[in-house]
C-alpha atoms as a PDB file:
ATOM      1  CA  MET A   1     -27.702  -8.059  37.796  1.00  0.00           C
ATOM      2  CA  PRO A   2     -27.341  -6.226  34.414  1.00  0.00           C
ATOM      3  CA  TYR A   3     -26.311  -7.923  31.483  1.00  0.00           C
ATOM      4  CA  LEU A   4     -23.956  -7.226  28.457  1.00  0.00           C
ATOM      5  CA  ALA A   5     -27.433  -7.585  26.344  1.00  0.00           C
ATOM      6  CA  ASP A   6     -29.205  -4.823  28.435  1.00  0.00           C
ATOM      7  CA  LEU A   7     -25.551  -2.095  27.312  1.00  0.00           C
ATOM      8  CA  PRO A   8     -26.549   1.132  25.060  1.00  0.00           C
ATOM      9  CA  THR A   9     -26.055   0.288  21.651  1.00  0.00           C
ATOM     10  CA  GLU A  10     -23.778   3.542  21.511  1.00  0.00           C
ATOM     11  CA  LEU A  11     -22.162   1.881  24.624  1.00  0.00           C
ATOM     12  CA  GLU A  12     -21.147  -1.813  22.999  1.00  0.00           C
ATOM     13  CA  ILE A  13     -19.995   0.084  19.739  1.00  0.00           C
ATOM     14  CA  GLN A  14     -17.416   1.802  22.171  1.00  0.00           C
ATOM     15  CA  ILE A  15     -16.520  -1.447  24.076  1.00  0.00           C
ATOM     16  CA  LEU A  16     -15.524  -2.374  20.397  1.00  0.00           C
ATOM     17  CA  GLU A  17     -13.455   0.580  19.105  1.00  0.00           C
ATOM     18  CA  TYR A  18     -10.304  -0.331  21.732  1.00  0.00           C
ATOM     19  CA  LEU A  19     -10.342  -3.504  19.355  1.00  0.00           C
ATOM     20  CA  ALA A  20     -10.272  -2.226  16.581  1.00  0.00           C
ATOM     21  CA  ASP A  21      -6.719  -2.742  15.917  1.00  0.00           C
ATOM     22  CA  ASP A  22      -7.043  -6.271  17.777  1.00  0.00           C
ATOM     23  CA  LYS A  23      -7.805  -8.786  14.306  1.00  0.00           C
ATOM     24  CA  ARG A  24      -7.779 -12.176  16.428  1.00  0.00           C
ATOM     25  CA  ALA A  25     -10.282 -10.046  19.338  1.00  0.00           C
ATOM     26  CA  LEU A  26     -12.875  -9.018  16.515  1.00  0.00           C
ATOM     27  CA  ASN A  27     -13.110 -12.373  14.847  1.00  0.00           C
ATOM     28  CA  SER A  28     -13.850 -13.631  18.452  1.00  0.00           C
ATOM     29  CA  VAL A  29     -16.461 -10.897  19.076  1.00  0.00           C
ATOM     30  CA  ILE A  30     -18.143 -12.310  15.705  1.00  0.00           C
ATOM     31  CA  ARG A  31     -19.169 -15.149  17.281  1.00  0.00           C
ATOM     32  CA  VAL A  32     -20.923 -13.763  20.528  1.00  0.00           C
ATOM     33  CA  ASN A  33     -23.984 -12.159  19.000  1.00  0.00           C
ATOM     34  CA  ARG A  34     -25.425 -11.443  16.175  1.00  0.00           C
ATOM     35  CA  ALA A  35     -25.013  -6.981  17.229  1.00  0.00           C
ATOM     36  CA  TRP A  36     -21.527  -7.733  18.314  1.00  0.00           C
ATOM     37  CA  ASN A  37     -20.677  -9.368  14.724  1.00  0.00           C
ATOM     38  CA  MET A  38     -22.010  -6.634  12.732  1.00  0.00           C
ATOM     39  CA  HIS A  39     -19.980  -4.057  14.613  1.00  0.00           C
ATOM     40  CA  ALA A  40     -17.649  -6.371  14.591  1.00  0.00           C
ATOM     41  CA  ILE A  41     -17.547  -6.583  10.662  1.00  0.00           C
ATOM     42  CA  ASN A  42     -17.740  -2.439  10.496  1.00  0.00           C
ATOM     43  CA  LEU A  43     -14.088  -2.395  12.882  1.00  0.00           C
ATOM     44  CA  LEU A  44     -12.488  -5.775  10.831  1.00  0.00           C
ATOM     45  CA  TRP A  45     -12.835  -4.284   7.105  1.00  0.00           C
ATOM     46  CA  ARG A  46     -11.432  -0.746   8.608  1.00  0.00           C
ATOM     47  CA  HIS A  47      -7.802  -2.255   7.489  1.00  0.00           C
ATOM     48  CA  ALA A  48      -9.027  -5.320   5.173  1.00  0.00           C
ATOM     49  CA  SER A  49      -6.735  -5.807   2.180  1.00  0.00           C
ATOM     50  CA  ALA A  50      -7.633  -3.930  -1.427  1.00  0.00           C
ATOM     51  CA  GLN A  51      -7.500  -7.091  -3.128  1.00  0.00           C
ATOM     52  CA  ASP A  52     -10.180  -8.175  -0.712  1.00  0.00           C
ATOM     53  CA  LEU A  53     -12.297  -5.191  -1.226  1.00  0.00           C
ATOM     54  CA  ALA A  54     -11.546  -5.761  -5.199  1.00  0.00           C
ATOM     55  CA  LYS A  55     -13.642  -9.220  -5.392  1.00  0.00           C
ATOM     56  CA  ILE A  56     -16.907  -7.348  -3.864  1.00  0.00           C
ATOM     57  CA  GLU A  57     -19.805  -8.075  -6.283  1.00  0.00           C
ATOM     58  CA  PRO A  58     -22.405  -6.557  -6.918  1.00  0.00           C
ATOM     59  CA  PHE A  59     -20.848  -3.328  -7.031  1.00  0.00           C
ATOM     60  CA  PRO A  60     -23.528  -1.097  -4.038  1.00  0.00           C
ATOM     61  CA  ARG A  61     -22.491  -3.476  -1.716  1.00  0.00           C
ATOM     62  CA  ARG A  62     -18.523  -3.276  -2.599  1.00  0.00           C
ATOM     63  CA  GLN A  63     -19.339   0.791  -2.088  1.00  0.00           C
ATOM     64  CA  TYR A  64     -20.637  -0.414   1.205  1.00  0.00           C
ATOM     65  CA  TYR A  65     -17.578  -1.420   2.596  1.00  0.00           C
ATOM     66  CA  ALA A  66     -15.477   1.187   0.773  1.00  0.00           C
ATOM     67  CA  ASP A  67     -17.145   2.993   3.722  1.00  0.00           C
ATOM     68  CA  MET A  68     -15.757   1.429   6.817  1.00  0.00           C
ATOM     69  CA  VAL A  69     -11.741   1.250   5.315  1.00  0.00           C
ATOM     70  CA  ILE A  70      -9.177   3.255   7.347  1.00  0.00           C
ATOM     71  CA  GLU A  71      -6.644   2.438   5.698  1.00  0.00           C
ATOM     72  CA  LEU A  72      -5.731   1.346   1.487  1.00  0.00           C
ATOM     73  CA  ASP A  73      -2.498   0.424   0.211  1.00  0.00           C
ATOM     74  CA  VAL A  74      -3.075  -0.733  -4.036  1.00  0.00           C
ATOM     75  CA  LYS A  75      -0.651  -2.745  -5.568  1.00  0.00           C
ATOM     76  CA  THR A  76      -2.183  -4.544  -8.106  1.00  0.00           C
ATOM     77  CA  ARG A  77      -3.577  -2.919 -11.507  1.00  0.00           C
ATOM     78  CA  GLN A  78      -6.855  -4.195 -11.275  1.00  0.00           C
ATOM     79  CA  CYS A  79      -7.990  -2.853  -7.844  1.00  0.00           C
ATOM     80  CA  TYR A  80      -7.344   0.212  -9.956  1.00  0.00           C
ATOM     81  CA  GLN A  81     -10.142  -0.632 -12.711  1.00  0.00           C
ATOM     82  CA  ARG A  82     -12.447  -1.883  -9.626  1.00  0.00           C
ATOM     83  CA  PHE A  83     -12.470   1.007  -7.536  1.00  0.00           C
ATOM     84  CA  ARG A  84     -12.880   3.509 -10.363  1.00  0.00           C
ATOM     85  CA  PHE A  85     -16.311   5.054  -9.171  1.00  0.00           C
ATOM     86  CA  LEU A  86     -15.840   3.919  -4.929  1.00  0.00           C
ATOM     87  CA  LEU A  87     -15.272   6.981  -2.697  1.00  0.00           C
ATOM     88  CA  PHE A  88     -13.968   6.123   0.296  1.00  0.00           C
ATOM     89  CA  THR A  89     -15.223   8.025   2.273  1.00  0.00           C
ATOM     90  CA  THR A  90     -13.344   7.919   6.401  1.00  0.00           C
ATOM     91  CA  LEU A  91      -9.700   7.221   4.282  1.00  0.00           C
ATOM     92  CA  THR A  92      -6.910   7.920   6.837  1.00  0.00           C
ATOM     93  CA  GLU A  93      -4.092   6.237   4.746  1.00  0.00           C
ATOM     94  CA  VAL A  94      -3.323   5.675   1.778  1.00  0.00           C
ATOM     95  CA  ILE A  95      -0.684   4.241  -0.564  1.00  0.00           C
ATOM     96  CA  LEU A  96      -0.726   3.834  -4.266  1.00  0.00           C
ATOM     97  CA  ASP A  97       1.896   1.128  -5.813  1.00  0.00           C
ATOM     98  CA  PRO A  98       0.894   0.166  -9.134  1.00  0.00           C
ATOM     99  CA  PRO A  99       2.919  -2.416 -10.104  1.00  0.00           C
ATOM    100  CA  LEU A 100       5.864  -2.083 -12.676  1.00  0.00           C
ATOM    101  CA  PHE A 101       6.813  -4.965 -16.063  1.00  0.00           C
ATOM    102  CA  ASP A 102       8.940  -3.826 -18.591  1.00  0.00           C
ATOM    103  CA  SER A 103       6.485  -5.932 -21.195  1.00  0.00           C
ATOM    104  CA  MET A 104       3.941  -3.207 -19.524  1.00  0.00           C
ATOM    105  CA  PRO A 105       4.013   0.439 -19.943  1.00  0.00           C
ATOM    106  CA  LEU A 106       3.634   2.799 -16.706  1.00  0.00           C
ATOM    107  CA  MET A 107      -0.460   3.802 -16.307  1.00  0.00           C
ATOM    108  CA  ARG A 108      -0.538   7.107 -17.724  1.00  0.00           C
ATOM    109  CA  SER A 109      -2.451   8.882 -15.066  1.00  0.00           C
ATOM    110  CA  ILE A 110      -4.938   7.551 -12.099  1.00  0.00           C
ATOM    111  CA  ARG A 111      -8.031   8.796 -10.639  1.00  0.00           C
ATOM    112  CA  LEU A 112      -7.260  10.208  -7.187  1.00  0.00           C
ATOM    113  CA  ARG A 113     -10.271  11.544  -6.256  1.00  0.00           C
ATOM    114  CA  PRO A 114     -11.859   9.117  -4.535  1.00  0.00           C
ATOM    115  CA  CYS A 115      -8.842   8.861  -2.469  1.00  0.00           C
ATOM    116  CA  LEU A 116      -8.833  12.283  -1.662  1.00  0.00           C
ATOM    117  CA  GLN A 117     -10.934  13.048   1.274  1.00  0.00           C
ATOM    118  CA  PRO A 118     -10.506  15.728   4.339  1.00  0.00           C
ATOM    119  CA  THR A 119      -9.972  13.255   6.434  1.00  0.00           C
ATOM    120  CA  LEU A 120      -7.205  11.951   4.671  1.00  0.00           C
ATOM    121  CA  ARG A 121      -3.680  12.449   7.077  1.00  0.00           C
ATOM    122  CA  LYS A 122      -0.913   9.554   5.039  1.00  0.00           C
ATOM    123  CA  LEU A 123      -0.897   9.159   1.035  1.00  0.00           C
ATOM    124  CA  HIS A 124       2.052   7.970  -0.332  1.00  0.00           C
ATOM    125  CA  LEU A 125       2.742   7.991  -4.104  1.00  0.00           C
ATOM    126  CA  GLU A 126       5.485   5.482  -5.528  1.00  0.00           C
ATOM    127  CA  PRO A 127       6.519   5.090  -9.295  1.00  0.00           C
ATOM    128  CA  GLY A 128       4.313   2.828 -11.681  1.00  0.00           C
ATOM    129  CA  PHE A 129       2.440   6.175 -12.873  1.00  0.00           C
ATOM    130  CA  VAL A 130       2.584   9.666 -14.330  1.00  0.00           C
ATOM    131  CA  LEU A 131       0.812  12.447 -11.605  1.00  0.00           C
ATOM    132  CA  THR A 132      -0.473  15.098 -13.097  1.00  0.00           C
ATOM    133  CA  GLU A 133      -0.667  18.821 -11.902  1.00  0.00           C
ATOM    134  CA  ASP A 134      -4.137  18.806 -11.501  1.00  0.00           C
ATOM    135  CA  ALA A 135      -3.943  15.818  -8.979  1.00  0.00           C
ATOM    136  CA  LEU A 136      -1.689  17.637  -7.023  1.00  0.00           C
ATOM    137  CA  ASP A 137      -3.658  20.569  -7.489  1.00  0.00           C
ATOM    138  CA  MET A 138      -6.372  18.598  -5.703  1.00  0.00           C
ATOM    139  CA  ILE A 139      -4.336  17.128  -2.795  1.00  0.00           C
ATOM    140  CA  SER A 140      -3.817  20.343  -1.351  1.00  0.00           C
ATOM    141  CA  LEU A 141      -7.061  21.825  -1.664  1.00  0.00           C
ATOM    142  CA  CYS A 142      -9.229  18.107  -0.971  1.00  0.00           C
ATOM    143  CA  CYS A 143      -6.277  17.466   1.956  1.00  0.00           C
ATOM    144  CA  PRO A 144      -6.471  20.130   4.509  1.00  0.00           C
ATOM    145  CA  LEU A 145      -5.005  17.262   7.193  1.00  0.00           C
ATOM    146  CA  LEU A 146      -3.196  15.746   5.281  1.00  0.00           C
ATOM    147  CA  GLU A 147       0.639  14.860   7.935  1.00  0.00           C
ATOM    148  CA  ASP A 148       2.795  12.605   5.387  1.00  0.00           C
ATOM    149  CA  LEU A 149       3.169  13.336   1.406  1.00  0.00           C
ATOM    150  CA  LYS A 150       5.483  10.625  -0.409  1.00  0.00           C
ATOM    151  CA  LEU A 151       5.721  11.389  -4.543  1.00  0.00           C
ATOM    152  CA  SER A 152       8.146   9.529  -6.319  1.00  0.00           C
ATOM    153  CA  SER A 153       5.641   8.988  -8.867  1.00  0.00           C
ATOM    154  CA  ARG A 154       6.885  10.504 -12.706  1.00  0.00           C
ATOM    155  CA  LEU A 155       5.342  14.342 -13.031  1.00  0.00           C
ATOM    156  CA  VAL A 156       3.259  14.597 -17.028  1.00  0.00           C
ATOM    157  CA  PHE A 157       4.729  18.568 -16.285  1.00  0.00           C
ATOM    158  CA  GLY A 158       8.258  19.462 -16.937  1.00  0.00           C
ATOM    159  CA  ASP A 159       9.371  21.616 -14.390  1.00  0.00           C
ATOM    160  CA  SER A 160       9.219  20.203 -10.617  1.00  0.00           C
ATOM    161  CA  ASP A 161      10.883  23.665  -9.295  1.00  0.00           C
ATOM    162  CA  GLU A 162       8.046  25.449 -10.954  1.00  0.00           C
ATOM    163  CA  TYR A 163       5.066  23.557  -8.895  1.00  0.00           C
ATOM    164  CA  LEU A 164       7.354  23.522  -5.845  1.00  0.00           C
ATOM    165  CA  THR A 165       6.976  27.673  -5.785  1.00  0.00           C
ATOM    166  CA  HIS A 166       3.374  28.291  -7.064  1.00  0.00           C
ATOM    167  CA  SER A 167       0.852  29.076  -4.159  1.00  0.00           C
ATOM    168  CA  THR A 168      -0.920  25.724  -4.789  1.00  0.00           C
ATOM    169  CA  PHE A 169       0.682  23.533  -3.149  1.00  0.00           C
ATOM    170  CA  ASN A 170       0.002  24.503   0.300  1.00  0.00           C
ATOM    171  CA  LEU A 171      -0.192  22.067   3.323  1.00  0.00           C
ATOM    172  CA  PRO A 172      -0.031  23.325   6.709  1.00  0.00           C
ATOM    173  CA  LYS A 173      -0.412  20.111   8.561  1.00  0.00           C
ATOM    174  CA  LEU A 174       2.366  18.713   7.001  1.00  0.00           C
ATOM    175  CA  SER A 175       4.953  17.796   8.562  1.00  0.00           C
ATOM    176  CA  ARG A 176       7.431  14.532   6.745  1.00  0.00           C
ATOM    177  CA  LEU A 177       7.325  15.619   2.975  1.00  0.00           C
ATOM    178  CA  VAL A 178       9.497  12.818   0.681  1.00  0.00           C
ATOM    179  CA  LEU A 179      10.291  14.131  -2.592  1.00  0.00           C
ATOM    180  CA  ALA A 180      11.828  11.187  -5.172  1.00  0.00           C
ATOM    181  CA  TRP A 181      11.308  13.256  -8.715  1.00  0.00           C
ATOM    182  CA  GLU A 182      14.345  12.102 -11.023  1.00  0.00           C
ATOM    183  CA  TYR A 183      14.286  16.407 -11.090  1.00  0.00           C
ATOM    184  CA  LYS A 184      16.592  19.056 -10.264  1.00  0.00           C
ATOM    185  CA  TYR A 185      15.830  21.516  -7.306  1.00  0.00           C
ATOM    186  CA  SER A 186      16.191  24.799  -7.462  1.00  0.00           C
ATOM    187  CA  SER A 187      17.832  26.504  -3.726  1.00  0.00           C
ATOM    188  CA  PRO A 188      14.425  28.585  -4.822  1.00  0.00           C
ATOM    189  CA  ALA A 189      12.483  25.792  -4.917  1.00  0.00           C
ATOM    190  CA  LEU A 190      12.946  24.606  -1.707  1.00  0.00           C
ATOM    191  CA  GLU A 191      13.020  28.554   0.002  1.00  0.00           C
ATOM    192  CA  ARG A 192       9.409  28.410  -1.152  1.00  0.00           C
ATOM    193  CA  LEU A 193       9.015  25.709   0.864  1.00  0.00           C
ATOM    194  CA  GLY A 194      10.008  26.503   3.753  1.00  0.00           C
ATOM    195  CA  HIS A 195       8.068  29.165   3.521  1.00  0.00           C
ATOM    196  CA  GLN A 196       4.458  27.014   2.745  1.00  0.00           C
ATOM    197  CA  LEU A 197       5.057  24.687   5.265  1.00  0.00           C
ATOM    198  CA  PRO A 198       5.262  25.792   8.287  1.00  0.00           C
ATOM    199  CA  SER A 199       5.197  22.443   9.885  1.00  0.00           C
ATOM    200  CA  LEU A 200       7.669  20.649   8.314  1.00  0.00           C
ATOM    201  CA  GLU A 201      10.149  18.381  10.916  1.00  0.00           C
ATOM    202  CA  HIS A 202      11.120  15.557   7.921  1.00  0.00           C
ATOM    203  CA  LEU A 203      11.849  16.357   4.408  1.00  0.00           C
ATOM    204  CA  GLU A 204      13.732  13.798   2.173  1.00  0.00           C
ATOM    205  CA  VAL A 205      14.733  15.188  -1.275  1.00  0.00           C
ATOM    206  CA  ARG A 206      16.487  12.345  -3.550  1.00  0.00           C
ATOM    207  CA  TRP A 207      17.622  12.919  -6.764  1.00  0.00           C
ATOM    208  CA  HIS A 208      18.762  15.974  -6.006  1.00  0.00           C
ATOM    209  CA  ASP A 209      21.760  18.243  -7.731  1.00  0.00           C
ATOM    210  CA  LEU A 210      24.806  19.650  -5.127  1.00  0.00           C
ATOM    211  CA  ASP A 211      25.652  21.765  -7.829  1.00  0.00           C
ATOM    212  CA  VAL A 212      22.978  24.199  -6.849  1.00  0.00           C
ATOM    213  CA  TRP A 213      24.008  24.954  -3.526  1.00  0.00           C
ATOM    214  CA  GLU A 214      26.984  26.258  -4.943  1.00  0.00           C
ATOM    215  CA  GLN A 215      26.282  27.846  -7.271  1.00  0.00           C
ATOM    216  CA  GLU A 216      23.127  30.234  -5.352  1.00  0.00           C
ATOM    217  CA  PRO A 217      23.575  29.017  -2.069  1.00  0.00           C
ATOM    218  CA  SER A 218      20.220  27.981  -0.205  1.00  0.00           C
ATOM    219  CA  MET A 219      18.486  29.760   2.538  1.00  0.00           C
ATOM    220  CA  ALA A 220      15.854  28.057   2.978  1.00  0.00           C
ATOM    221  CA  VAL A 221      14.316  27.767   7.240  1.00  0.00           C
ATOM    222  CA  PHE A 222      12.139  25.493   8.252  1.00  0.00           C
ATOM    223  CA  PRO A 223      11.812  26.367  12.147  1.00  0.00           C
ATOM    224  CA  ARG A 224      10.724  22.711  13.814  1.00  0.00           C
ATOM    225  CA  LEU A 225      12.826  20.357  10.873  1.00  0.00           C
ATOM    226  CA  LYS A 226      14.010  17.408  12.819  1.00  0.00           C
ATOM    227  CA  PHE A 227      15.288  15.626   9.842  1.00  0.00           C
ATOM    228  CA  LEU A 228      16.919  16.159   6.645  1.00  0.00           C
ATOM    229  CA  GLU A 229      18.148  13.838   3.799  1.00  0.00           C
ATOM    230  CA  LEU A 230      19.460  14.484   0.912  1.00  0.00           C
ATOM    231  CA  ASP A 231      19.962  12.222  -1.703  1.00  0.00           C
ATOM    232  CA  CYS A 232      22.429  12.711  -3.716  1.00  0.00           C
ATOM    233  CA  PRO A 233      23.632  11.339  -7.333  1.00  0.00           C
ATOM    234  CA  PRO A 234      26.934   9.799  -7.164  1.00  0.00           C
ATOM    235  CA  TYR A 235      28.579  12.080  -9.625  1.00  0.00           C
ATOM    236  CA  SER A 236      27.466  15.059  -7.009  1.00  0.00           C
ATOM    237  CA  PRO A 237      30.792  17.043  -5.573  1.00  0.00           C
ATOM    238  CA  ARG A 238      31.592  16.629  -2.132  1.00  0.00           C
ATOM    239  CA  LEU A 239      30.061  19.829  -0.376  1.00  0.00           C
ATOM    240  CA  ASN A 240      30.439  21.427   2.868  1.00  0.00           C
ATOM    241  CA  LEU A 241      26.564  21.754   4.082  1.00  0.00           C
END
């Protein structure tokens, strides 16, 4: 009669992969044997919190567990400091949301490079820090599989239109885009997005001024668009779209 212990390691890993999102089951698997303990811990660290990872000492051990993380939600300033020299080689989802305090200045910039991996599919940059044009260029160059992008950070350069019409903003797999910059977007910029993002299905444009559509009617075409949200200031006039 075959025993579980006789299974090849490769098959054990494939079996445990089915429990990758079930933390309760993995906590039970840890107690089975030493091999399963190691595999289960690796799977648990995939969804570990940023705070737990930041507490690990020394640095090489922190990097060891960072290589396992696939989802990262960073909300505390201490984490940004602790992650400064880490590389997250298997990331698929990242949310960077530093807290805002009136008594503390905004973060001037953030080191995005450790999080920008070829495996990344979701990236949300919330308010709390400023975003440079170089950082935006890196997002396009380093994340060819990116599907979900939210940009709420303050821009360190003046004209968001200028960037949106730049050839660098090219994400062929992008299906969801949220632009939450406090800038006015021109019709040519939206038209350019339609050409550069052919896979876009969900588009949210916040702080949008409908006046620009009256002055220069938009001919933007998004062939796969299913959801469109234009969040306009309260003083914007009604416009028949």
